[in-house]
PDB file of N, CA and C in Angstrom:
ATOM      1  N   MET A   1      -1.785  24.742  -2.553  1.00  0.00           N
ATOM      2  CA  MET A   1      -2.624  23.505  -2.682  1.00  0.00           C
ATOM      3  C   MET A   1      -1.568  22.381  -2.812  1.00  0.00           C
ATOM      4  N   GLN A   2      -1.931  21.397  -2.071  1.00  0.00           N
ATOM      5  CA  GLN A   2      -1.031  20.157  -2.084  1.00  0.00           C
ATOM      6  C   GLN A   2      -1.410  19.258  -3.294  1.00  0.00           C
ATOM      7  N   ARG A   3      -0.574  18.921  -3.889  1.00  0.00           N
ATOM      8  CA  ARG A   3      -0.595  17.920  -5.262  1.00  0.00           C
ATOM      9  C   ARG A   3       0.059  16.646  -4.936  1.00  0.00           C
ATOM     10  N   THR A   4      -0.509  15.614  -5.743  1.00  0.00           N
ATOM     11  CA  THR A   4       0.157  14.346  -5.420  1.00  0.00           C
ATOM     12  C   THR A   4       1.202  14.204  -6.622  1.00  0.00           C
ATOM     13  N   LYS A   5       2.514  13.724  -6.414  1.00  0.00           N
ATOM     14  CA  LYS A   5       3.376  13.500  -7.439  1.00  0.00           C
ATOM     15  C   LYS A   5       3.668  11.889  -7.496  1.00  0.00           C
ATOM     16  N   ILE A   6       3.385  11.554  -8.663  1.00  0.00           N
ATOM     17  CA  ILE A   6       3.536  10.051  -9.000  1.00  0.00           C
ATOM     18  C   ILE A   6       4.969   9.778  -9.337  1.00  0.00           C
ATOM     19  N   ILE A   7       5.390   8.797  -8.439  1.00  0.00           N
ATOM     20  CA  ILE A   7       7.037   8.766  -8.616  1.00  0.00           C
ATOM     21  C   ILE A   7       7.165   7.260  -9.482  1.00  0.00           C
ATOM     22  N   GLU A   8       6.366   6.341  -9.247  1.00  0.00           N
ATOM     23  CA  GLU A   8       6.479   5.046 -10.053  1.00  0.00           C
ATOM     24  C   GLU A   8       4.916   4.601 -10.371  1.00  0.00           C
ATOM     25  N   SER A   9       4.876   3.809 -11.519  1.00  0.00           N
ATOM     26  CA  SER A   9       3.478   3.300 -11.849  1.00  0.00           C
ATOM     27  C   SER A   9       2.793   2.524 -11.106  1.00  0.00           C
ATOM     28  N   GLU A  10       1.545   2.427 -11.089  1.00  0.00           N
ATOM     29  CA  GLU A  10       0.795   1.579 -10.160  1.00  0.00           C
ATOM     30  C   GLU A  10       1.029  -0.029 -10.564  1.00  0.00           C
ATOM     31  N   VAL A  11       0.986  -0.718  -9.377  1.00  0.00           N
ATOM     32  CA  VAL A  11       1.234  -2.080  -9.504  1.00  0.00           C
ATOM     33  C   VAL A  11       0.240  -2.763  -8.682  1.00  0.00           C
ATOM     34  N   ALA A  12      -0.221  -4.030  -9.009  1.00  0.00           N
ATOM     35  CA  ALA A  12      -1.000  -4.821  -8.036  1.00  0.00           C
ATOM     36  C   ALA A  12      -0.303  -5.260  -6.908  1.00  0.00           C
ATOM     37  N   THR A  13      -0.909  -5.135  -5.650  1.00  0.00           N
ATOM     38  CA  THR A  13      -0.473  -5.505  -4.426  1.00  0.00           C
ATOM     39  C   THR A  13      -0.355  -7.108  -4.257  1.00  0.00           C
ATOM     40  N   PRO A  14       0.827  -7.578  -3.555  1.00  0.00           N
ATOM     41  CA  PRO A  14       0.738  -9.058  -3.495  1.00  0.00           C
ATOM     42  C   PRO A  14      -0.479  -9.336  -2.326  1.00  0.00           C
ATOM     43  N   THR A  15      -0.816 -10.659  -2.416  1.00  0.00           N
ATOM     44  CA  THR A  15      -1.823 -11.025  -1.496  1.00  0.00           C
ATOM     45  C   THR A  15      -1.560 -11.682  -0.239  1.00  0.00           C
ATOM     46  N   SER A  16      -0.413 -11.918   0.170  1.00  0.00           N
ATOM     47  CA  SER A  16       0.137 -12.783   1.168  1.00  0.00           C
ATOM     48  C   SER A  16       1.407 -12.099   1.772  1.00  0.00           C
ATOM     49  N   ALA A  17       1.484 -12.537   3.068  1.00  0.00           N
ATOM     50  CA  ALA A  17       2.705 -11.834   3.830  1.00  0.00           C
ATOM     51  C   ALA A  17       3.878 -12.342   3.525  1.00  0.00           C
ATOM     52  N   GLY A  18       4.063 -13.562   2.634  1.00  0.00           N
ATOM     53  CA  GLY A  18       5.234 -13.996   2.198  1.00  0.00           C
ATOM     54  C   GLY A  18       5.810 -13.691   1.225  1.00  0.00           C
ATOM     55  N   THR A  19       4.844 -12.712   0.303  1.00  0.00           N
ATOM     56  CA  THR A  19       5.284 -12.047  -0.917  1.00  0.00           C
ATOM     57  C   THR A  19       5.121 -10.504  -0.820  1.00  0.00           C
ATOM     58  N   ALA A  20       5.079 -10.086   0.531  1.00  0.00           N
ATOM     59  CA  ALA A  20       4.884  -8.527   0.575  1.00  0.00           C
ATOM     60  C   ALA A  20       5.988  -7.700   0.019  1.00  0.00           C
ATOM     61  N   THR A  21       5.632  -6.427  -0.320  1.00  0.00           N
ATOM     62  CA  THR A  21       6.540  -5.611  -1.005  1.00  0.00           C
ATOM     63  C   THR A  21       6.560  -4.304  -0.239  1.00  0.00           C
ATOM     64  N   SER A  22       7.740  -3.608  -0.419  1.00  0.00           N
ATOM     65  CA  SER A  22       7.933  -2.170  -0.010  1.00  0.00           C
ATOM     66  C   SER A  22       7.452  -1.309  -0.883  1.00  0.00           C
ATOM     67  N   ILE A  23       6.887  -1.652  -2.198  1.00  0.00           N
ATOM     68  CA  ILE A  23       6.472  -0.696  -3.228  1.00  0.00           C
ATOM     69  C   ILE A  23       7.572   0.056  -3.634  1.00  0.00           C
ATOM     70  N   SER A  24       8.708  -0.436  -4.068  1.00  0.00           N
ATOM     71  CA  SER A  24      10.106   0.168  -4.545  1.00  0.00           C
ATOM     72  C   SER A  24      10.508   1.220  -3.397  1.00  0.00           C
ATOM     73  N   ASN A  25      10.548   0.627  -2.074  1.00  0.00           N
ATOM     74  CA  ASN A  25      11.054   1.248  -0.976  1.00  0.00           C
ATOM     75  C   ASN A  25      10.274   2.623  -0.784  1.00  0.00           C
ATOM     76  N   ALA A  26       9.092   2.771  -1.120  1.00  0.00           N
ATOM     77  CA  ALA A  26       8.389   3.846  -0.689  1.00  0.00           C
ATOM     78  C   ALA A  26       8.158   4.204   0.588  1.00  0.00           C
ATOM     79  N   THR A  27       8.134   5.504   0.769  1.00  0.00           N
ATOM     80  CA  THR A  27       7.609   6.089   2.212  1.00  0.00           C
ATOM     81  C   THR A  27       6.202   6.556   2.273  1.00  0.00           C
ATOM     82  N   CYS A  28       5.672   6.800   1.036  1.00  0.00           N
ATOM     83  CA  CYS A  28       4.296   7.205   0.850  1.00  0.00           C
ATOM     84  C   CYS A  28       3.690   6.465  -0.244  1.00  0.00           C
ATOM     85  N   VAL A  29       2.565   5.711  -0.035  1.00  0.00           N
ATOM     86  CA  VAL A  29       2.072   5.030  -0.952  1.00  0.00           C
ATOM     87  C   VAL A  29       0.387   5.316  -1.278  1.00  0.00           C
ATOM     88  N   ARG A  30       0.169   5.521  -2.633  1.00  0.00           N
ATOM     89  CA  ARG A  30      -1.320   5.674  -2.764  1.00  0.00           C
ATOM     90  C   ARG A  30      -1.774   4.210  -3.154  1.00  0.00           C
ATOM     91  N   LEU A  31      -2.823   4.107  -2.355  1.00  0.00           N
ATOM     92  CA  LEU A  31      -3.493   2.787  -2.339  1.00  0.00           C
ATOM     93  C   LEU A  31      -4.898   2.986  -2.820  1.00  0.00           C
ATOM     94  N   HIS A  32      -5.295   2.308  -3.923  1.00  0.00           N
ATOM     95  CA  HIS A  32      -6.667   2.414  -4.688  1.00  0.00           C
ATOM     96  C   HIS A  32      -7.387   1.003  -4.625  1.00  0.00           C
ATOM     97  N   ASN A  33      -8.300   0.956  -3.713  1.00  0.00           N
ATOM     98  CA  ASN A  33      -9.160  -0.206  -3.822  1.00  0.00           C
ATOM     99  C   ASN A  33     -10.318  -0.134  -4.682  1.00  0.00           C
ATOM    100  N   ASP A  34      -9.964  -0.581  -5.939  1.00  0.00           N
ATOM    101  CA  ASP A  34     -10.960  -0.511  -6.968  1.00  0.00           C
ATOM    102  C   ASP A  34     -11.990  -1.827  -7.193  1.00  0.00           C
ATOM    103  N   THR A  35     -12.099  -2.422  -5.888  1.00  0.00           N
ATOM    104  CA  THR A  35     -13.028  -3.684  -5.840  1.00  0.00           C
ATOM    105  C   THR A  35     -14.328  -3.048  -5.229  1.00  0.00           C
ATOM    106  N   ASN A  36     -15.204  -3.997  -5.425  1.00  0.00           N
ATOM    107  CA  ASN A  36     -16.593  -3.752  -4.637  1.00  0.00           C
ATOM    108  C   ASN A  36     -16.585  -4.084  -3.092  1.00  0.00           C
ATOM    109  N   GLY A  37     -15.468  -4.653  -2.786  1.00  0.00           N
ATOM    110  CA  GLY A  37     -15.413  -5.020  -1.053  1.00  0.00           C
ATOM    111  C   GLY A  37     -14.493  -4.417  -0.429  1.00  0.00           C
ATOM    112  N   ILE A  38     -14.459  -4.757   0.800  1.00  0.00           N
ATOM    113  CA  ILE A  38     -13.523  -4.049   1.775  1.00  0.00           C
ATOM    114  C   ILE A  38     -12.254  -4.940   1.684  1.00  0.00           C
ATOM    115  N   ALA A  39     -11.079  -4.114   1.571  1.00  0.00           N
ATOM    116  CA  ALA A  39      -9.638  -4.536   1.494  1.00  0.00           C
ATOM    117  C   ALA A  39      -8.949  -4.563   2.698  1.00  0.00           C
ATOM    118  N   THR A  40      -8.485  -5.671   3.176  1.00  0.00           N
ATOM    119  CA  THR A  40      -7.590  -5.541   4.454  1.00  0.00           C
ATOM    120  C   THR A  40      -6.121  -5.428   3.958  1.00  0.00           C
ATOM    121  N   ILE A  41      -5.382  -4.449   4.631  1.00  0.00           N
ATOM    122  CA  ILE A  41      -4.135  -4.025   4.200  1.00  0.00           C
ATOM    123  C   ILE A  41      -3.112  -4.408   5.475  1.00  0.00           C
ATOM    124  N   GLY A  42      -2.177  -5.021   5.266  1.00  0.00           N
ATOM    125  CA  GLY A  42      -1.052  -5.488   6.057  1.00  0.00           C
ATOM    126  C   GLY A  42       0.173  -4.737   6.047  1.00  0.00           C
ATOM    127  N   ILE A  43       0.637  -4.416   7.156  1.00  0.00           N
ATOM    128  CA  ILE A  43       2.016  -3.614   6.964  1.00  0.00           C
ATOM    129  C   ILE A  43       3.072  -4.349   8.100  1.00  0.00           C
ATOM    130  N   SER A  44       4.044  -4.738   7.585  1.00  0.00           N
ATOM    131  CA  SER A  44       5.121  -5.413   8.676  1.00  0.00           C
ATOM    132  C   SER A  44       6.393  -4.877   8.406  1.00  0.00           C
ATOM    133  N   THR A  45       7.456  -5.229   9.183  1.00  0.00           N
ATOM    134  CA  THR A  45       8.800  -4.790   9.115  1.00  0.00           C
ATOM    135  C   THR A  45       9.472  -5.617   8.249  1.00  0.00           C
ATOM    136  N   SER A  46       9.114  -6.846   7.850  1.00  0.00           N
ATOM    137  CA  SER A  46       9.749  -7.516   6.918  1.00  0.00           C
ATOM    138  C   SER A  46       8.849  -8.544   6.220  1.00  0.00           C
ATOM    139  N   VAL A  47       9.256  -9.255   5.019  1.00  0.00           N
ATOM    140  CA  VAL A  47       8.465 -10.028   4.503  1.00  0.00           C
ATOM    141  C   VAL A  47       8.291 -11.331   5.283  1.00  0.00           C
ATOM    142  N   GLY A  48       7.045 -11.687   5.583  1.00  0.00           N
ATOM    143  CA  GLY A  48       6.648 -12.847   6.306  1.00  0.00           C
ATOM    144  C   GLY A  48       6.787 -12.736   7.759  1.00  0.00           C
ATOM    145  N   ALA A  49       6.866 -11.489   8.233  1.00  0.00           N
ATOM    146  CA  ALA A  49       6.952 -11.090   9.698  1.00  0.00           C
ATOM    147  C   ALA A  49       5.603 -11.371  10.495  1.00  0.00           C
ATOM    148  N   ALA A  50       5.870 -11.952  11.511  1.00  0.00           N
ATOM    149  CA  ALA A  50       4.905 -12.421  12.376  1.00  0.00           C
ATOM    150  C   ALA A  50       4.022 -11.251  13.075  1.00  0.00           C
ATOM    151  N   SER A  51       4.770 -10.095  13.203  1.00  0.00           N
ATOM    152  CA  SER A  51       3.997  -8.829  13.639  1.00  0.00           C
ATOM    153  C   SER A  51       3.677  -8.032  12.573  1.00  0.00           C
ATOM    154  N   THR A  52       2.361  -8.194  12.219  1.00  0.00           N
ATOM    155  CA  THR A  52       1.763  -7.439  11.161  1.00  0.00           C
ATOM    156  C   THR A  52       0.704  -6.469  11.766  1.00  0.00           C
ATOM    157  N   SER A  53       0.684  -5.315  11.144  1.00  0.00           N
ATOM    158  CA  SER A  53      -0.495  -4.334  11.772  1.00  0.00           C
ATOM    159  C   SER A  53      -1.499  -4.412  10.432  1.00  0.00           C
ATOM    160  N   TYR A  54      -2.783  -4.212  10.764  1.00  0.00           N
ATOM    161  CA  TYR A  54      -3.845  -4.175   9.697  1.00  0.00           C
ATOM    162  C   TYR A  54      -4.765  -3.114   9.802  1.00  0.00           C
ATOM    163  N   PHE A  55      -5.243  -2.805   8.659  1.00  0.00           N
ATOM    164  CA  PHE A  55      -6.365  -1.744   8.575  1.00  0.00           C
ATOM    165  C   PHE A  55      -7.253  -2.088   7.551  1.00  0.00           C
ATOM    166  N   SER A  56      -8.654  -1.968   7.489  1.00  0.00           N
ATOM    167  CA  SER A  56      -9.433  -1.849   6.552  1.00  0.00           C
ATOM    168  C   SER A  56      -9.566  -0.807   5.473  1.00  0.00           C
ATOM    169  N   MET A  57      -9.896  -1.022   4.376  1.00  0.00           N
ATOM    170  CA  MET A  57      -9.999   0.080   3.491  1.00  0.00           C
ATOM    171  C   MET A  57     -11.417  -0.195   2.790  1.00  0.00           C
ATOM    172  N   PRO A  58     -12.221   0.810   2.733  1.00  0.00           N
ATOM    173  CA  PRO A  58     -13.769   0.627   1.996  1.00  0.00           C
ATOM    174  C   PRO A  58     -13.406   0.347   0.598  1.00  0.00           C
ATOM    175  N   ALA A  59     -14.553  -0.018  -0.135  1.00  0.00           N
ATOM    176  CA  ALA A  59     -14.629  -0.493  -1.486  1.00  0.00           C
ATOM    177  C   ALA A  59     -14.673   0.972  -2.216  1.00  0.00           C
ATOM    178  N   ASN A  60     -13.929   0.907  -3.364  1.00  0.00           N
ATOM    179  CA  ASN A  60     -13.889   2.070  -4.356  1.00  0.00           C
ATOM    180  C   ASN A  60     -13.371   3.210  -3.637  1.00  0.00           C
ATOM    181  N   SER A  61     -12.210   3.169  -2.898  1.00  0.00           N
ATOM    182  CA  SER A  61     -11.568   4.398  -2.218  1.00  0.00           C
ATOM    183  C   SER A  61     -10.188   4.312  -2.379  1.00  0.00           C
ATOM    184  N   ILE A  62      -9.707   5.671  -2.170  1.00  0.00           N
ATOM    185  CA  ILE A  62      -8.142   5.925  -2.180  1.00  0.00           C
ATOM    186  C   ILE A  62      -7.682   6.251  -0.775  1.00  0.00           C
ATOM    187  N   GLU A  63      -6.513   5.833  -0.397  1.00  0.00           N
ATOM    188  CA  GLU A  63      -5.807   5.971   0.778  1.00  0.00           C
ATOM    189  C   GLU A  63      -4.490   6.271   0.625  1.00  0.00           C
ATOM    190  N   PHE A  64      -3.791   7.132   1.301  1.00  0.00           N
ATOM    191  CA  PHE A  64      -2.525   7.236   1.179  1.00  0.00           C
ATOM    192  C   PHE A  64      -1.716   6.986   2.698  1.00  0.00           C
ATOM    193  N   LEU A  65      -0.639   6.022   2.274  1.00  0.00           N
ATOM    194  CA  LEU A  65      -0.137   5.472   3.543  1.00  0.00           C
ATOM    195  C   LEU A  65       1.291   5.827   3.731  1.00  0.00           C
ATOM    196  N   GLU A  66       1.641   6.337   4.759  1.00  0.00           N
ATOM    197  CA  GLU A  66       2.859   6.697   5.254  1.00  0.00           C
ATOM    198  C   GLU A  66       3.482   5.710   5.940  1.00  0.00           C
ATOM    199  N   LYS A  67       4.905   5.272   5.495  1.00  0.00           N
ATOM    200  CA  LYS A  67       5.504   4.084   6.224  1.00  0.00           C
ATOM    201  C   LYS A  67       6.918   4.361   6.240  1.00  0.00           C
ATOM    202  N   LEU A  68       7.817   3.555   6.718  1.00  0.00           N
ATOM    203  CA  LEU A  68       9.096   3.492   6.570  1.00  0.00           C
ATOM    204  C   LEU A  68       9.534   2.835   5.246  1.00  0.00           C
ATOM    205  N   SER A  69      10.576   3.135   4.665  1.00  0.00           N
ATOM    206  CA  SER A  69      11.084   2.689   3.228  1.00  0.00           C
ATOM    207  C   SER A  69      11.227   1.144   3.102  1.00  0.00           C
ATOM    208  N   SER A  70      11.727   0.710   4.443  1.00  0.00           N
ATOM    209  CA  SER A  70      12.020  -0.838   4.707  1.00  0.00           C
ATOM    210  C   SER A  70      10.588  -1.505   4.870  1.00  0.00           C
ATOM    211  N   GLU A  71       9.544  -0.947   5.301  1.00  0.00           N
ATOM    212  CA  GLU A  71       8.343  -1.748   5.756  1.00  0.00           C
ATOM    213  C   GLU A  71       7.574  -2.175   4.332  1.00  0.00           C
ATOM    214  N   VAL A  72       6.972  -3.352   4.593  1.00  0.00           N
ATOM    215  CA  VAL A  72       6.483  -3.949   3.287  1.00  0.00           C
ATOM    216  C   VAL A  72       4.843  -4.075   3.616  1.00  0.00           C
ATOM    217  N   ILE A  73       4.044  -4.130   2.450  1.00  0.00           N
ATOM    218  CA  ILE A  73       2.654  -4.230   2.576  1.00  0.00           C
ATOM    219  C   ILE A  73       2.080  -5.293   1.643  1.00  0.00           C
ATOM    220  N   TRP A  74       0.867  -5.867   2.232  1.00  0.00           N
ATOM    221  CA  TRP A  74       0.258  -6.696   1.335  1.00  0.00           C
ATOM    222  C   TRP A  74      -1.278  -6.536   1.519  1.00  0.00           C
ATOM    223  N   THR A  75      -2.048  -7.030   0.651  1.00  0.00           N
ATOM    224  CA  THR A  75      -3.434  -6.697   0.894  1.00  0.00           C
ATOM    225  C   THR A  75      -4.389  -8.094   0.351  1.00  0.00           C
ATOM    226  N   SER A  76      -5.612  -7.908   0.901  1.00  0.00           N
ATOM    227  CA  SER A  76      -6.449  -9.093   0.541  1.00  0.00           C
ATOM    228  C   SER A  76      -7.906  -8.458   0.457  1.00  0.00           C
ATOM    229  N   PRO A  77      -8.533  -8.387  -0.910  1.00  0.00           N
ATOM    230  CA  PRO A  77      -7.702  -8.835  -2.174  1.00  0.00           C
ATOM    231  C   PRO A  77      -6.578  -7.876  -2.645  1.00  0.00           C
ATOM    232  N   ALA A  78      -5.910  -8.349  -3.832  1.00  0.00           N
ATOM    233  CA  ALA A  78      -5.116  -7.472  -4.679  1.00  0.00           C
ATOM    234  C   ALA A  78      -5.879  -6.068  -4.910  1.00  0.00           C
ATOM    235  N   ILE A  79      -5.140  -5.052  -4.627  1.00  0.00           N
ATOM    236  CA  ILE A  79      -5.563  -3.701  -4.934  1.00  0.00           C
ATOM    237  C   ILE A  79      -4.282  -2.931  -5.656  1.00  0.00           C
ATOM    238  N   LYS A  80      -4.336  -1.715  -6.058  1.00  0.00           N
ATOM    239  CA  LYS A  80      -3.563  -1.206  -6.891  1.00  0.00           C
ATOM    240  C   LYS A  80      -2.736  -0.105  -5.582  1.00  0.00           C
ATOM    241  N   ALA A  81      -1.408  -0.095  -6.044  1.00  0.00           N
ATOM    242  CA  ALA A  81      -0.593   0.664  -5.268  1.00  0.00           C
ATOM    243  C   ALA A  81       0.626   1.552  -5.947  1.00  0.00           C
ATOM    244  N   SER A  82       0.857   2.790  -5.615  1.00  0.00           N
ATOM    245  CA  SER A  82       1.876   3.254  -6.536  1.00  0.00           C
ATOM    246  C   SER A  82       2.810   4.272  -5.294  1.00  0.00           C
ATOM    247  N   LYS A  83       4.009   4.173  -5.703  1.00  0.00           N
ATOM    248  CA  LYS A  83       4.992   5.118  -4.933  1.00  0.00           C
ATOM    249  C   LYS A  83       4.544   6.635  -5.307  1.00  0.00           C
ATOM    250  N   VAL A  84       4.329   7.542  -4.215  1.00  0.00           N
ATOM    251  CA  VAL A  84       4.015   8.998  -4.524  1.00  0.00           C
ATOM    252  C   VAL A  84       4.680   9.707  -3.437  1.00  0.00           C
ATOM    253  N   GLY A  85       4.672  11.188  -3.851  1.00  0.00           N
ATOM    254  CA  GLY A  85       5.121  12.020  -2.854  1.00  0.00           C
ATOM    255  C   GLY A  85       4.105  13.389  -2.867  1.00  0.00           C
ATOM    256  N   PHE A  86       4.301  14.196  -2.381  1.00  0.00           N
ATOM    257  CA  PHE A  86       3.496  15.382  -2.327  1.00  0.00           C
ATOM    258  C   PHE A  86       4.321  16.776  -2.605  1.00  0.00           C
ATOM    259  N   THR A  87       3.643  17.652  -3.351  1.00  0.00           N
ATOM    260  CA  THR A  87       4.284  18.819  -3.654  1.00  0.00           C
ATOM    261  C   THR A  87       3.392  20.098  -3.301  1.00  0.00           C
ATOM    262  N   ASN A  88       3.838  21.119  -3.470  1.00  0.00           N
ATOM    263  CA  ASN A  88       3.099  22.384  -3.157  1.00  0.00           C
ATOM    264  C   ASN A  88       2.928  23.203  -4.508  1.00  0.00           C
TER     265      ASN A  88
END
């Protein structure tokens, strides 16, 4: 059975591309949208980059995001994120 290993404590995600973060250079991020609305997640190669990819995350949901350690994320609205890994 696969388990989630928490590597760092949850933080609030930044809400603009100009303040995007790598979440401590994470390659796997646990996102928790604890709001009552849809959150938009932005992923880009650097802070403020023009080429951002987006996806929507339903209200009150959890998603695991795999990314390069150098890639940064931001969300609208702010949600919770933590650096995680997986174990068996």
